[in-house]
Amino acid sequence: MLTIGCHLSSSKGFLAMGKDAVKIDANTFQFFTRNPRGSRAKALNPGDISAFLNFAGDHGIKKILAHAPYTLNAASADEHLRQLAAQIMADDLDRMEHTPGNCYNFHPGSHVGQGIETGITHIASMLNTILKPDGHTTVLLETMAGKGSEIGRSFEELREILNRVELSGRMGVCLDTCHVWDGGYDIAGRLDEVLEHFDRTIGLSRLKAIHLNDSQNPLGSRKDRHARIGEGHIGLKALARIVCHPALKNLPFYLETPNELEGYGKEIALLRGLASESDNPLGTAGQ
């Protein structure tokens, strides 16, 4: 069965997110750990978490994905901002221990003129400082579109970070379809080749989650503008091949398309229908 959900508001707590997921036939979801444009986090409610865990077990909700705030920049040239990123992530990972066995995703960061090598060094240093061997959360580097001085546009850049993390077994990758498309990887016309490249460079065993988004921009634009499923330059056929591909279909998929809850429900129904067809007319190959 396809594991698919969308980004949900965490403002009313975990149980509310679980109930919203069930309303739209989702069996997973993504949420921000705190204000996405700031650093403040609401206090955890143990009763809410306990109720959610019971609800999730009853309704088959699994592999929820926490997303770090956008303001977190582990590659910053400003030491204070790097320290703040480390403090936020360390606190987030401590909070994630209340919902163990899930994943935490973050944007690697922007080197802001220092150069990719220096930025990668800063990111790996932060991870080596905060990761604990007894943690129960997998930390994911997100593939990026490459706008500005973003690190993570290429698979090679992500590999360099992973290679420098001492507790590398605690790490993985979240592939964002809009980002890799905007970054220059032709997942519409050459999906198999892109996956083979990922496997050679990072290893498909490191791929733990997929942000499923169409793109408002053409291949290689480096713009990072998400579109609704089937309404962008990637297109429905290509996105259907992704959810049906043998190497990907068992991963959790998270929609980040510009939608309200009802719109997400329609996209989930569409993708579930395509994934469940025994003889998919759109094919499962990448060509």
C-alpha atoms as a PDB file:
ATOM      1  CA  MET A   1       0.000   0.000   0.000  1.00  0.00           C
ATOM      2  CA  LEU A   2       1.273   3.458  -0.920  1.00  0.00           C
ATOM      3  CA  THR A   3       2.547   5.439   2.062  1.00  0.00           C
ATOM      4  CA  ILE A   4       1.573   9.006   1.269  1.00  0.00           C
ATOM      5  CA  GLY A   5       0.602  12.176   3.063  1.00  0.00           C
ATOM      6  CA  CYS A   6       1.176  15.897   2.983  1.00  0.00           C
ATOM      7  CA  HIS A   7       2.514  18.768   5.028  1.00  0.00           C
ATOM      8  CA  LEU A   8       0.121  19.587   7.881  1.00  0.00           C
ATOM      9  CA  SER A   9      -0.084  22.396  10.418  1.00  0.00           C
ATOM     10  CA  SER A  10       1.195  21.412  13.851  1.00  0.00           C
ATOM     11  CA  SER A  11      -0.545  24.328  15.573  1.00  0.00           C
ATOM     12  CA  LYS A  12      -3.169  22.087  17.240  1.00  0.00           C
ATOM     13  CA  GLY A  13      -0.830  19.231  18.122  1.00  0.00           C
ATOM     14  CA  PHE A  14      -0.052  15.710  16.982  1.00  0.00           C
ATOM     15  CA  LEU A  15      -3.504  14.185  17.447  1.00  0.00           C
ATOM     16  CA  ALA A  16      -5.087  16.907  15.320  1.00  0.00           C
ATOM     17  CA  MET A  17      -2.563  16.239  12.562  1.00  0.00           C
ATOM     18  CA  GLY A  18      -3.332  12.534  12.743  1.00  0.00           C
ATOM     19  CA  LYS A  19      -7.051  13.186  12.415  1.00  0.00           C
ATOM     20  CA  ASP A  20      -6.504  15.544   9.473  1.00  0.00           C
ATOM     21  CA  ALA A  21      -4.387  12.869   7.782  1.00  0.00           C
ATOM     22  CA  VAL A  22      -7.131  10.264   8.151  1.00  0.00           C
ATOM     23  CA  LYS A  23      -9.693  12.703   6.692  1.00  0.00           C
ATOM     24  CA  ILE A  24      -7.795  12.748   3.384  1.00  0.00           C
ATOM     25  CA  ASP A  25      -6.839   9.048   3.327  1.00  0.00           C
ATOM     26  CA  ALA A  26      -3.219   9.792   4.228  1.00  0.00           C
ATOM     27  CA  ASN A  27      -1.187   7.324   6.262  1.00  0.00           C
ATOM     28  CA  THR A  28       1.704   9.642   7.018  1.00  0.00           C
ATOM     29  CA  PHE A  29       2.363  13.396   7.202  1.00  0.00           C
ATOM     30  CA  GLN A  30       5.051  16.052   7.503  1.00  0.00           C
ATOM     31  CA  PHE A  31       5.098  18.949   9.975  1.00  0.00           C
ATOM     32  CA  PHE A  32       7.341  21.806  11.061  1.00  0.00           C
ATOM     33  CA  THR A  33       9.001  21.284  14.431  1.00  0.00           C
ATOM     34  CA  ARG A  34       8.644  24.998  15.208  1.00  0.00           C
ATOM     35  CA  ASN A  35       7.955  28.348  13.548  1.00  0.00           C
ATOM     36  CA  PRO A  36       9.343  27.787  10.022  1.00  0.00           C
ATOM     37  CA  ARG A  37      10.532  31.400   9.772  1.00  0.00           C
ATOM     38  CA  GLY A  38      11.812  31.656  13.326  1.00  0.00           C
ATOM     39  CA  SER A  39      13.214  29.584  16.166  1.00  0.00           C
ATOM     40  CA  ARG A  40      10.484  29.337  18.797  1.00  0.00           C
ATOM     41  CA  ALA A  41       8.871  25.973  19.526  1.00  0.00           C
ATOM     42  CA  LYS A  42       5.695  25.202  21.451  1.00  0.00           C
ATOM     43  CA  ALA A  43       6.031  23.097  24.583  1.00  0.00           C
ATOM     44  CA  LEU A  44       5.298  19.428  23.988  1.00  0.00           C
ATOM     45  CA  ASN A  45       2.073  18.015  25.407  1.00  0.00           C
ATOM     46  CA  PRO A  46       2.693  14.455  26.679  1.00  0.00           C
ATOM     47  CA  GLY A  47      -1.029  13.684  26.735  1.00  0.00           C
ATOM     48  CA  ASP A  48      -1.423  14.800  23.122  1.00  0.00           C
ATOM     49  CA  ILE A  49       1.570  12.719  22.036  1.00  0.00           C
ATOM     50  CA  SER A  50       0.282   9.626  23.840  1.00  0.00           C
ATOM     51  CA  ALA A  51      -3.165  10.047  22.271  1.00  0.00           C
ATOM     52  CA  PHE A  52      -1.584  10.492  18.838  1.00  0.00           C
ATOM     53  CA  LEU A  53       0.570   7.379  19.156  1.00  0.00           C
ATOM     54  CA  ASN A  54      -2.502   5.329  20.002  1.00  0.00           C
ATOM     55  CA  PHE A  55      -4.471   6.918  17.163  1.00  0.00           C
ATOM     56  CA  ALA A  56      -1.615   6.345  14.714  1.00  0.00           C
ATOM     57  CA  GLY A  57      -1.441   2.687  15.663  1.00  0.00           C
ATOM     58  CA  ASP A  58      -5.182   2.264  15.170  1.00  0.00           C
ATOM     59  CA  HIS A  59      -5.189   4.009  11.781  1.00  0.00           C
ATOM     60  CA  GLY A  60      -1.942   2.782  10.240  1.00  0.00           C
ATOM     61  CA  ILE A  61      -0.136   6.137  10.317  1.00  0.00           C
ATOM     62  CA  LYS A  62       3.607   5.581  10.031  1.00  0.00           C
ATOM     63  CA  LYS A  63       6.897   7.299   9.259  1.00  0.00           C
ATOM     64  CA  ILE A  64       5.932  10.864  10.043  1.00  0.00           C
ATOM     65  CA  LEU A  65       8.489  13.405   8.892  1.00  0.00           C
ATOM     66  CA  ALA A  66       9.555  16.416  10.928  1.00  0.00           C
ATOM     67  CA  HIS A  67      10.887  19.410   8.989  1.00  0.00           C
ATOM     68  CA  ALA A  68      13.396  21.862  10.433  1.00  0.00           C
ATOM     69  CA  PRO A  69      12.675  25.605  10.173  1.00  0.00           C
ATOM     70  CA  TYR A  70      13.859  27.362   7.026  1.00  0.00           C
ATOM     71  CA  THR A  71      15.945  29.767   9.111  1.00  0.00           C
ATOM     72  CA  LEU A  72      18.325  26.991  10.154  1.00  0.00           C
ATOM     73  CA  ASN A  73      21.612  27.466   8.248  1.00  0.00           C
ATOM     74  CA  ALA A  74      24.351  25.126   9.400  1.00  0.00           C
ATOM     75  CA  ALA A  75      26.649  26.418   6.613  1.00  0.00           C
ATOM     76  CA  SER A  76      26.449  30.094   7.570  1.00  0.00           C
ATOM     77  CA  ALA A  77      29.534  32.297   7.632  1.00  0.00           C
ATOM     78  CA  ASP A  78      28.245  33.726  10.915  1.00  0.00           C
ATOM     79  CA  GLU A  79      29.379  31.585  13.848  1.00  0.00           C
ATOM     80  CA  HIS A  80      26.420  32.734  15.944  1.00  0.00           C
ATOM     81  CA  LEU A  81      23.968  31.521  13.281  1.00  0.00           C
ATOM     82  CA  ARG A  82      25.775  28.189  13.073  1.00  0.00           C
ATOM     83  CA  GLN A  83      25.535  27.805  16.844  1.00  0.00           C
ATOM     84  CA  LEU A  84      21.842  28.691  16.714  1.00  0.00           C
ATOM     85  CA  ALA A  85      21.318  26.036  14.015  1.00  0.00           C
ATOM     86  CA  ALA A  86      23.046  23.458  16.206  1.00  0.00           C
ATOM     87  CA  GLN A  87      20.950  24.413  19.241  1.00  0.00           C
ATOM     88  CA  ILE A  88      17.703  24.221  17.269  1.00  0.00           C
ATOM     89  CA  MET A  89      18.498  20.875  15.700  1.00  0.00           C
ATOM     90  CA  ALA A  90      19.732  19.366  18.957  1.00  0.00           C
ATOM     91  CA  ASP A  91      16.512  20.477  20.674  1.00  0.00           C
ATOM     92  CA  ASP A  92      14.401  19.165  17.788  1.00  0.00           C
ATOM     93  CA  LEU A  93      16.076  15.769  17.954  1.00  0.00           C
ATOM     94  CA  ASP A  94      15.504  15.609  21.707  1.00  0.00           C
ATOM     95  CA  ARG A  95      11.817  16.375  21.093  1.00  0.00           C
ATOM     96  CA  MET A  96      11.653  13.721  18.376  1.00  0.00           C
ATOM     97  CA  GLU A  97      12.546  11.082  20.966  1.00  0.00           C
ATOM     98  CA  HIS A  98       8.903  11.345  22.119  1.00  0.00           C
ATOM     99  CA  THR A  99       7.863   9.925  18.700  1.00  0.00           C
ATOM    100  CA  PRO A 100      10.760   7.517  18.073  1.00  0.00           C
ATOM    101  CA  GLY A 101      11.535   5.738  14.830  1.00  0.00           C
ATOM    102  CA  ASN A 102      10.686   8.629  12.532  1.00  0.00           C
ATOM    103  CA  CYS A 103      12.723  11.059  10.405  1.00  0.00           C
ATOM    104  CA  TYR A 104      13.873  14.670  10.672  1.00  0.00           C
ATOM    105  CA  ASN A 105      14.537  16.577   7.455  1.00  0.00           C
ATOM    106  CA  PHE A 106      16.557  19.755   6.978  1.00  0.00           C
ATOM    107  CA  HIS A 107      17.913  21.947   4.195  1.00  0.00           C
ATOM    108  CA  PRO A 108      21.714  21.574   4.326  1.00  0.00           C
ATOM    109  CA  GLY A 109      22.252  25.332   4.160  1.00  0.00           C
ATOM    110  CA  SER A 110      23.789  28.131   2.082  1.00  0.00           C
ATOM    111  CA  HIS A 111      27.491  28.899   2.081  1.00  0.00           C
ATOM    112  CA  VAL A 112      26.823  32.626   1.421  1.00  0.00           C
ATOM    113  CA  GLY A 113      30.041  33.200  -0.498  1.00  0.00           C
ATOM    114  CA  GLN A 114      32.446  31.083   1.548  1.00  0.00           C
ATOM    115  CA  GLY A 115      32.448  28.312  -1.041  1.00  0.00           C
ATOM    116  CA  ILE A 116      30.903  24.855  -1.089  1.00  0.00           C
ATOM    117  CA  GLU A 117      33.843  23.151   0.616  1.00  0.00           C
ATOM    118  CA  THR A 118      33.706  25.448   3.643  1.00  0.00           C
ATOM    119  CA  GLY A 119      29.924  25.136   3.818  1.00  0.00           C
ATOM    120  CA  ILE A 120      30.086  21.340   3.746  1.00  0.00           C
ATOM    121  CA  THR A 121      32.695  21.393   6.499  1.00  0.00           C
ATOM    122  CA  HIS A 122      30.417  23.500   8.706  1.00  0.00           C
ATOM    123  CA  ILE A 123      27.389  21.248   8.105  1.00  0.00           C
ATOM    124  CA  ALA A 124      29.285  18.041   8.891  1.00  0.00           C
ATOM    125  CA  SER A 125      30.826  19.627  11.983  1.00  0.00           C
ATOM    126  CA  MET A 126      27.393  20.531  13.335  1.00  0.00           C
ATOM    127  CA  LEU A 127      26.061  17.026  12.736  1.00  0.00           C
ATOM    128  CA  ASN A 128      29.076  15.491  14.450  1.00  0.00           C
ATOM    129  CA  THR A 129      28.444  17.737  17.438  1.00  0.00           C
ATOM    130  CA  ILE A 130      24.755  17.008  17.941  1.00  0.00           C
ATOM    131  CA  LEU A 131      24.138  13.434  16.775  1.00  0.00           C
ATOM    132  CA  LYS A 132      23.978  10.906  19.595  1.00  0.00           C
ATOM    133  CA  PRO A 133      24.600   7.178  19.170  1.00  0.00           C
ATOM    134  CA  ASP A 134      21.497   6.308  21.208  1.00  0.00           C
ATOM    135  CA  GLY A 135      19.124   8.507  19.170  1.00  0.00           C
ATOM    136  CA  HIS A 136      16.044   6.996  17.519  1.00  0.00           C
ATOM    137  CA  THR A 137      15.532   9.508  14.702  1.00  0.00           C
ATOM    138  CA  THR A 138      17.045   9.373  11.224  1.00  0.00           C
ATOM    139  CA  VAL A 139      18.296  12.779  10.052  1.00  0.00           C
ATOM    140  CA  LEU A 140      17.729  13.513   6.371  1.00  0.00           C
ATOM    141  CA  LEU A 141      19.569  15.889   4.076  1.00  0.00           C
ATOM    142  CA  GLU A 142      17.143  17.333   1.541  1.00  0.00           C
ATOM    143  CA  THR A 143      18.066  17.621  -2.135  1.00  0.00           C
ATOM    144  CA  MET A 144      18.031  21.294  -3.116  1.00  0.00           C
ATOM    145  CA  ALA A 145      17.303  23.262  -6.296  1.00  0.00           C
ATOM    146  CA  GLY A 146      20.594  25.179  -6.185  1.00  0.00           C
ATOM    147  CA  LYS A 147      19.299  28.725  -5.988  1.00  0.00           C
ATOM    148  CA  GLY A 148      21.793  31.255  -4.700  1.00  0.00           C
ATOM    149  CA  SER A 149      24.541  29.565  -2.703  1.00  0.00           C
ATOM    150  CA  GLU A 150      22.483  26.562  -1.600  1.00  0.00           C
ATOM    151  CA  ILE A 151      24.413  23.387  -0.841  1.00  0.00           C
ATOM    152  CA  GLY A 152      22.825  20.098  -1.865  1.00  0.00           C
ATOM    153  CA  ARG A 153      21.898  20.691  -5.504  1.00  0.00           C
ATOM    154  CA  SER A 154      24.090  17.803  -6.629  1.00  0.00           C
ATOM    155  CA  PHE A 155      24.152  14.287  -5.259  1.00  0.00           C
ATOM    156  CA  GLU A 156      27.916  14.656  -4.948  1.00  0.00           C
ATOM    157  CA  GLU A 157      27.544  17.536  -2.487  1.00  0.00           C
ATOM    158  CA  LEU A 158      25.234  15.464  -0.300  1.00  0.00           C
ATOM    159  CA  ARG A 159      27.649  12.538  -0.464  1.00  0.00           C
ATOM    160  CA  GLU A 160      30.481  14.755   0.776  1.00  0.00           C
ATOM    161  CA  ILE A 161      28.438  15.711   3.838  1.00  0.00           C
ATOM    162  CA  LEU A 162      27.447  12.098   4.550  1.00  0.00           C
ATOM    163  CA  ASN A 163      31.056  10.925   4.186  1.00  0.00           C
ATOM    164  CA  ARG A 164      32.161  13.325   6.923  1.00  0.00           C
ATOM    165  CA  VAL A 165      29.483  12.421   9.479  1.00  0.00           C
ATOM    166  CA  GLU A 166      30.856  10.064  12.108  1.00  0.00           C
ATOM    167  CA  LEU A 167      27.466   8.521  12.973  1.00  0.00           C
ATOM    168  CA  SER A 168      26.595   8.080   9.311  1.00  0.00           C
ATOM    169  CA  GLY A 169      24.173   5.277  10.144  1.00  0.00           C
ATOM    170  CA  ARG A 170      21.873   7.937  11.621  1.00  0.00           C
ATOM    171  CA  MET A 171      21.731   9.807   8.287  1.00  0.00           C
ATOM    172  CA  GLY A 172      19.738   9.587   5.074  1.00  0.00           C
ATOM    173  CA  VAL A 173      18.401  11.668   2.183  1.00  0.00           C
ATOM    174  CA  CYS A 174      15.001  13.126   1.318  1.00  0.00           C
ATOM    175  CA  LEU A 175      14.616  13.561  -2.443  1.00  0.00           C
ATOM    176  CA  ASP A 176      12.436  16.498  -3.447  1.00  0.00           C
ATOM    177  CA  THR A 177      11.125  16.003  -6.993  1.00  0.00           C
ATOM    178  CA  CYS A 178      10.725  19.731  -7.665  1.00  0.00           C
ATOM    179  CA  HIS A 179      14.183  20.486  -6.309  1.00  0.00           C
ATOM    180  CA  VAL A 180      16.050  17.832  -8.281  1.00  0.00           C
ATOM    181  CA  TRP A 181      14.165  18.819 -11.452  1.00  0.00           C
ATOM    182  CA  ASP A 182      14.941  22.495 -10.932  1.00  0.00           C
ATOM    183  CA  GLY A 183      18.497  21.451 -10.084  1.00  0.00           C
ATOM    184  CA  GLY A 184      18.940  19.785 -13.481  1.00  0.00           C
ATOM    185  CA  TYR A 185      18.094  16.104 -12.956  1.00  0.00           C
ATOM    186  CA  ASP A 186      15.663  14.966 -15.666  1.00  0.00           C
ATOM    187  CA  ILE A 187      13.319  12.778 -13.635  1.00  0.00           C
ATOM    188  CA  ALA A 188      10.641  13.121 -16.316  1.00  0.00           C
ATOM    189  CA  GLY A 189      12.666  11.806 -19.254  1.00  0.00           C
ATOM    190  CA  ARG A 190      15.521   9.898 -17.590  1.00  0.00           C
ATOM    191  CA  LEU A 191      14.284   8.673 -14.222  1.00  0.00           C
ATOM    192  CA  ASP A 192      16.199   5.394 -14.309  1.00  0.00           C
ATOM    193  CA  GLU A 193      19.440   7.196 -15.176  1.00  0.00           C
ATOM    194  CA  VAL A 194      18.921   9.686 -12.347  1.00  0.00           C
ATOM    195  CA  LEU A 195      18.291   6.875  -9.859  1.00  0.00           C
ATOM    196  CA  GLU A 196      21.340   4.985 -11.091  1.00  0.00           C
ATOM    197  CA  HIS A 197      23.397   8.157 -10.597  1.00  0.00           C
ATOM    198  CA  PHE A 198      21.995   8.539  -7.079  1.00  0.00           C
ATOM    199  CA  ASP A 199      22.784   4.910  -6.314  1.00  0.00           C
ATOM    200  CA  ARG A 200      26.375   5.198  -7.559  1.00  0.00           C
ATOM    201  CA  THR A 201      26.955   8.463  -5.717  1.00  0.00           C
ATOM    202  CA  ILE A 202      25.065   8.050  -2.432  1.00  0.00           C
ATOM    203  CA  GLY A 203      23.357   4.657  -2.469  1.00  0.00           C
ATOM    204  CA  LEU A 204      19.626   4.045  -2.743  1.00  0.00           C
ATOM    205  CA  SER A 205      19.706   2.539   0.746  1.00  0.00           C
ATOM    206  CA  ARG A 206      20.223   6.126   1.990  1.00  0.00           C
ATOM    207  CA  LEU A 207      17.023   7.343   0.340  1.00  0.00           C
ATOM    208  CA  LYS A 208      14.427   7.432   3.122  1.00  0.00           C
ATOM    209  CA  ALA A 209      11.699   9.824   1.929  1.00  0.00           C
ATOM    210  CA  ILE A 210      10.388  11.689  -1.100  1.00  0.00           C
ATOM    211  CA  HIS A 211       8.854  15.136  -1.281  1.00  0.00           C
ATOM    212  CA  LEU A 212       6.449  14.703  -4.185  1.00  0.00           C
ATOM    213  CA  ASN A 213       5.941  18.031  -5.943  1.00  0.00           C
ATOM    214  CA  ASP A 214       5.496  19.257  -9.487  1.00  0.00           C
ATOM    215  CA  SER A 215       7.519  22.297 -10.585  1.00  0.00           C
ATOM    216  CA  GLN A 216       6.421  25.674 -11.899  1.00  0.00           C
ATOM    217  CA  ASN A 217       9.707  25.966 -13.785  1.00  0.00           C
ATOM    218  CA  PRO A 218      11.543  24.125 -16.574  1.00  0.00           C
ATOM    219  CA  LEU A 219      14.370  21.646 -16.043  1.00  0.00           C
ATOM    220  CA  GLY A 220      17.510  23.199 -14.550  1.00  0.00           C
ATOM    221  CA  SER A 221      15.912  26.539 -13.648  1.00  0.00           C
ATOM    222  CA  ARG A 222      17.259  26.526 -10.045  1.00  0.00           C
ATOM    223  CA  LYS A 223      14.122  28.399  -8.958  1.00  0.00           C
ATOM    224  CA  ASP A 224      12.386  26.087  -6.402  1.00  0.00           C
ATOM    225  CA  ARG A 225       8.729  26.847  -7.069  1.00  0.00           C
ATOM    226  CA  HIS A 226       6.373  23.964  -6.314  1.00  0.00           C
ATOM    227  CA  ALA A 227       3.290  23.235  -8.428  1.00  0.00           C
ATOM    228  CA  ARG A 228       0.292  20.984  -7.889  1.00  0.00           C
ATOM    229  CA  ILE A 229       0.569  17.413  -9.127  1.00  0.00           C
ATOM    230  CA  GLY A 230       0.178  17.344 -12.904  1.00  0.00           C
ATOM    231  CA  GLU A 231       0.076  21.133 -13.265  1.00  0.00           C
ATOM    232  CA  GLY A 232       3.790  21.768 -13.703  1.00  0.00           C
ATOM    233  CA  HIS A 233       6.737  21.016 -15.963  1.00  0.00           C
ATOM    234  CA  ILE A 234       7.409  17.560 -14.483  1.00  0.00           C
ATOM    235  CA  GLY A 235       3.896  16.372 -15.223  1.00  0.00           C
ATOM    236  CA  LEU A 236       1.528  13.679 -13.991  1.00  0.00           C
ATOM    237  CA  LYS A 237       2.975  10.823 -16.031  1.00  0.00           C
ATOM    238  CA  ALA A 238       6.470  11.374 -14.635  1.00  0.00           C
ATOM    239  CA  LEU A 239       5.243  11.704 -11.049  1.00  0.00           C
ATOM    240  CA  ALA A 240       3.131   8.561 -11.472  1.00  0.00           C
ATOM    241  CA  ARG A 241       6.220   6.684 -12.649  1.00  0.00           C
ATOM    242  CA  ILE A 242       7.993   7.821  -9.490  1.00  0.00           C
ATOM    243  CA  VAL A 243       5.337   6.489  -7.081  1.00  0.00           C
ATOM    244  CA  CYS A 244       5.168   3.218  -9.076  1.00  0.00           C
ATOM    245  CA  HIS A 245       8.914   2.727  -9.615  1.00  0.00           C
ATOM    246  CA  PRO A 246      10.197  -0.518  -8.035  1.00  0.00           C
ATOM    247  CA  ALA A 247      13.065   1.295  -6.315  1.00  0.00           C
ATOM    248  CA  LEU A 248      10.815   3.991  -4.832  1.00  0.00           C
ATOM    249  CA  LYS A 249       7.273   2.702  -4.335  1.00  0.00           C
ATOM    250  CA  ASN A 250       7.865   1.452  -0.788  1.00  0.00           C
ATOM    251  CA  LEU A 251       9.197   4.795   0.441  1.00  0.00           C
ATOM    252  CA  PRO A 252       6.993   7.368   2.190  1.00  0.00           C
ATOM    253  CA  PHE A 253       5.837  10.240  -0.051  1.00  0.00           C
ATOM    254  CA  TYR A 254       5.041  13.729   1.268  1.00  0.00           C
ATOM    255  CA  LEU A 255       3.150  16.316  -0.778  1.00  0.00           C
ATOM    256  CA  GLU A 256       4.251  19.939  -0.425  1.00  0.00           C
ATOM    257  CA  THR A 257       2.139  21.300  -3.261  1.00  0.00           C
ATOM    258  CA  PRO A 258       0.324  24.660  -2.943  1.00  0.00           C
ATOM    259  CA  ASN A 259      -2.913  23.237  -1.541  1.00  0.00           C
ATOM    260  CA  GLU A 260      -5.400  23.249   1.304  1.00  0.00           C
ATOM    261  CA  LEU A 261      -6.471  19.996   2.960  1.00  0.00           C
ATOM    262  CA  GLU A 262      -9.161  19.239   0.353  1.00  0.00           C
ATOM    263  CA  GLY A 263      -6.699  19.702  -2.496  1.00  0.00           C
ATOM    264  CA  TYR A 264      -4.233  17.355  -0.844  1.00  0.00           C
ATOM    265  CA  GLY A 265      -6.994  14.793  -0.507  1.00  0.00           C
ATOM    266  CA  LYS A 266      -7.663  14.941  -4.241  1.00  0.00           C
ATOM    267  CA  GLU A 267      -3.973  14.499  -5.055  1.00  0.00           C
ATOM    268  CA  ILE A 268      -3.660  11.560  -2.668  1.00  0.00           C
ATOM    269  CA  ALA A 269      -6.712   9.886  -4.222  1.00  0.00           C
ATOM    270  CA  LEU A 270      -5.282  10.426  -7.714  1.00  0.00           C
ATOM    271  CA  LEU A 271      -1.881   8.997  -6.820  1.00  0.00           C
ATOM    272  CA  ARG A 272      -3.341   6.071  -4.877  1.00  0.00           C
ATOM    273  CA  GLY A 273      -5.428   5.201  -7.916  1.00  0.00           C
ATOM    274  CA  LEU A 274      -2.419   5.246 -10.215  1.00  0.00           C
ATOM    275  CA  ALA A 275      -0.293   3.246  -7.792  1.00  0.00           C
ATOM    276  CA  SER A 276      -2.933   0.564  -7.310  1.00  0.00           C
ATOM    277  CA  GLU A 277      -3.524  -0.176 -10.972  1.00  0.00           C
ATOM    278  CA  SER A 278      -2.268  -3.693 -11.634  1.00  0.00           C
ATOM    279  CA  ASP A 279      -1.428  -2.838 -15.234  1.00  0.00           C
ATOM    280  CA  ASN A 280      -0.381   0.790 -14.976  1.00  0.00           C
ATOM    281  CA  PRO A 281      -0.770   2.371 -18.424  1.00  0.00           C
ATOM    282  CA  LEU A 282       1.757   5.016 -17.470  1.00  0.00           C
ATOM    283  CA  GLY A 283       4.444   2.399 -16.890  1.00  0.00           C
ATOM    284  CA  THR A 284       6.922   1.952 -14.068  1.00  0.00           C
ATOM    285  CA  ALA A 285      10.067   2.631 -16.059  1.00  0.00           C
ATOM    286  CA  GLY A 286      11.779   5.962 -16.177  1.00  0.00           C
ATOM    287  CA  GLN A 287      11.650   6.421 -19.935  1.00  0.00           C
END
